[in-house]
Amino acid sequence: MKNLILLSFLMITTCGFAQIDTTSIIKPDAKYEIIDTSVFTNLEKFNDENDAVVYVYRLSSMVGAAAKWGVMVDNVLIANLKQKEYVVVHLNTTVKSHYFSFPDMIFNYTNFMPNRYYFIKLKGFTMYTGYFDENALSDLETCKLTKPLTK
């Protein structure tokens, strides 16, 4: 019984430290960056003219190595990522903002542009975001696609 109470206390206090941040997924100075389109040749195709594609991937790290990380988008569990796995998320850009959450992190991104590729890179408890580029492609090639839990 003591263990159950202790576990409940730990779970509740951990949730209290979650970060909520409204931010851009790209740096303001990169908004009009010229992007090398050769990087996109084998990426997921857009569903329509309002679609943005986000690659969420987790690189290996000693932090939380054995645990799967639940990735939620707009309060829907999309995937449980192990290390060196990724999932592809399609977003409707006519919606003003989208919530992404990972263990102990919640972010509200507001500036997705239609027919653009983005990445969210998780390594340890550090997260990087931006337009998909050759560095993201290089990282992604070390990972394997995981099955999304929802379509």
Protein backbone atom coordinates (compact mmCIF):
# COMPACT_ATOMS: atom_id res chain seq x y z
CA MET A 1 0.00 0.00 0.00
CA LYS A 2 2.89 2.36 0.81
CA ASN A 3 4.36 1.72 -2.63
CA LEU A 4 1.05 2.54 -4.31
CA ILE A 5 0.76 5.82 -2.43
CA LEU A 6 4.38 6.71 -3.20
CA LEU A 7 3.92 5.88 -6.89
CA SER A 8 0.75 8.01 -7.06
CA PHE A 9 2.54 10.91 -5.39
CA LEU A 10 5.46 10.70 -7.81
CA MET A 11 3.21 10.61 -10.87
CA ILE A 12 1.16 13.61 -9.70
CA THR A 13 4.19 15.74 -8.81
CA THR A 14 5.96 14.89 -12.08
CA CYS A 15 2.97 16.12 -14.08
CA GLY A 16 3.13 19.40 -12.16
CA PHE A 17 6.56 20.13 -13.65
CA ALA A 18 5.45 19.72 -17.28
CA GLN A 19 6.31 22.68 -19.48
CA ILE A 20 3.63 24.44 -21.49
CA ASP A 21 5.03 26.77 -24.07
CA THR A 22 3.51 28.55 -27.04
CA THR A 23 6.23 28.83 -29.61
CA SER A 24 7.19 28.63 -33.22
CA ILE A 25 8.54 25.36 -34.56
CA ILE A 26 11.09 27.31 -36.59
CA LYS A 27 13.35 30.22 -35.79
CA PRO A 28 11.90 33.55 -36.96
CA ASP A 29 14.94 34.26 -39.14
CA ALA A 30 14.52 30.90 -40.93
CA LYS A 31 10.95 31.59 -42.09
CA TYR A 32 12.00 32.46 -45.64
CA GLU A 33 14.99 30.15 -45.78
CA ILE A 34 15.68 28.57 -49.17
CA ILE A 35 15.38 24.84 -48.68
CA ASP A 36 17.13 22.20 -50.77
CA THR A 37 14.21 20.26 -52.27
CA SER A 38 16.41 17.25 -53.12
CA VAL A 39 16.14 16.33 -49.43
CA PHE A 40 12.40 15.69 -49.87
CA THR A 41 12.50 13.09 -52.65
CA ASN A 42 11.67 10.07 -50.46
CA LEU A 43 9.59 11.77 -47.78
CA GLU A 44 5.89 11.33 -47.08
CA LYS A 45 3.65 13.00 -49.68
CA PHE A 46 1.26 15.80 -48.72
CA ASN A 47 -2.44 14.90 -48.41
CA ASP A 48 -3.73 18.22 -49.78
CA GLU A 49 -2.85 21.90 -50.18
CA ASN A 50 -3.29 22.59 -46.43
CA ASP A 51 -1.15 19.71 -45.22
CA ALA A 52 2.12 20.01 -43.29
CA VAL A 53 4.22 16.93 -42.51
CA VAL A 54 6.13 16.65 -39.23
CA TYR A 55 8.73 13.96 -38.60
CA VAL A 56 9.02 13.26 -34.87
CA TYR A 57 12.07 11.15 -34.09
CA ARG A 58 13.93 10.02 -31.02
CA LEU A 59 17.68 9.52 -31.10
CA SER A 60 19.55 7.29 -28.65
CA SER A 61 20.53 8.67 -25.27
CA MET A 62 21.25 7.33 -21.80
CA VAL A 63 18.25 9.30 -20.50
CA GLY A 64 15.19 7.07 -20.37
CA ALA A 65 16.84 4.49 -22.59
CA ALA A 66 14.55 1.59 -21.69
CA ALA A 67 11.27 3.51 -21.70
CA LYS A 68 8.98 4.12 -24.65
CA TRP A 69 7.92 7.75 -24.94
CA GLY A 70 4.29 8.49 -25.70
CA VAL A 71 3.98 11.13 -28.41
CA MET A 72 0.69 13.00 -28.34
CA VAL A 73 -0.53 15.45 -30.98
CA ASP A 74 -3.59 17.55 -30.17
CA ASN A 75 -4.37 15.28 -27.19
CA VAL A 76 -4.30 12.08 -29.27
CA LEU A 77 -1.65 9.44 -28.60
CA ILE A 78 0.09 8.99 -31.96
CA ALA A 79 2.96 6.62 -31.11
CA ASN A 80 5.14 5.14 -28.39
CA LEU A 81 8.68 5.85 -29.54
CA LYS A 82 11.61 3.72 -28.51
CA GLN A 83 15.11 5.01 -29.13
CA LYS A 84 16.02 5.36 -32.82
CA GLU A 85 12.39 5.38 -33.99
CA TYR A 86 10.29 7.98 -35.75
CA VAL A 87 6.68 8.70 -36.63
CA VAL A 88 5.19 10.87 -39.37
CA VAL A 89 2.39 13.30 -38.49
CA HIS A 90 0.16 15.13 -40.98
CA LEU A 91 -1.24 18.45 -39.74
CA ASN A 92 -3.97 20.68 -41.10
CA THR A 93 -2.42 24.16 -41.37
CA THR A 94 -5.81 25.91 -41.35
CA VAL A 95 -5.94 25.12 -37.61
CA LYS A 96 -4.16 27.94 -35.76
CA SER A 97 -2.07 25.80 -33.40
CA HIS A 98 -1.20 22.21 -32.57
CA TYR A 99 -0.12 20.67 -29.25
CA PHE A 100 2.74 18.19 -29.11
CA SER A 101 3.55 16.40 -25.89
CA PHE A 102 6.30 14.05 -24.83
CA PRO A 103 7.23 12.90 -21.31
CA ASP A 104 7.17 16.01 -19.10
CA MET A 105 7.00 18.40 -22.10
CA ILE A 106 3.99 20.06 -23.72
CA PHE A 107 4.43 22.54 -26.55
CA ASN A 108 1.87 24.55 -28.51
CA TYR A 109 3.21 25.32 -32.00
CA THR A 110 1.48 28.03 -33.99
CA ASN A 111 3.09 28.67 -37.36
CA PHE A 112 2.86 25.60 -39.58
CA MET A 113 2.88 26.54 -43.25
CA PRO A 114 1.14 24.42 -45.89
CA ASN A 115 3.18 21.96 -47.98
CA ARG A 116 6.24 22.20 -45.75
CA TYR A 117 8.21 19.49 -43.95
CA TYR A 118 9.19 19.95 -40.30
CA PHE A 119 11.08 17.91 -37.73
CA ILE A 120 10.98 17.47 -33.97
CA LYS A 121 14.12 15.76 -32.73
CA LEU A 122 14.15 14.26 -29.23
CA LYS A 123 17.43 13.32 -27.60
CA GLY A 124 17.47 12.77 -23.87
CA PHE A 125 15.28 15.53 -22.46
CA THR A 126 16.41 17.96 -25.17
CA MET A 127 14.21 18.81 -28.12
CA TYR A 128 15.12 20.51 -31.40
CA THR A 129 12.68 21.71 -34.06
CA GLY A 130 12.81 23.28 -37.48
CA TYR A 131 12.27 22.86 -41.20
CA PHE A 132 13.29 19.45 -42.43
CA ASP A 133 16.79 19.65 -43.88
CA GLU A 134 19.81 17.48 -44.71
CA ASN A 135 20.76 17.17 -41.01
CA ALA A 136 17.29 15.93 -40.10
CA LEU A 137 17.43 13.50 -43.03
CA SER A 138 20.78 12.19 -41.82
CA ASP A 139 19.36 11.67 -38.31
CA LEU A 140 16.23 10.04 -39.70
CA GLU A 141 18.24 7.53 -41.73
CA THR A 142 19.60 6.11 -38.45
CA CYS A 143 16.04 5.52 -37.18
CA LYS A 144 13.26 3.16 -38.19
CA LEU A 145 9.62 4.04 -38.80
CA THR A 146 7.25 2.97 -36.06
CA LYS A 147 3.61 2.17 -36.62
CA PRO A 148 1.33 5.03 -35.60
CA LEU A 149 -1.30 4.07 -33.03
CA THR A 150 -3.96 6.13 -34.84
CA LYS A 151 -4.51 7.20 -38.42
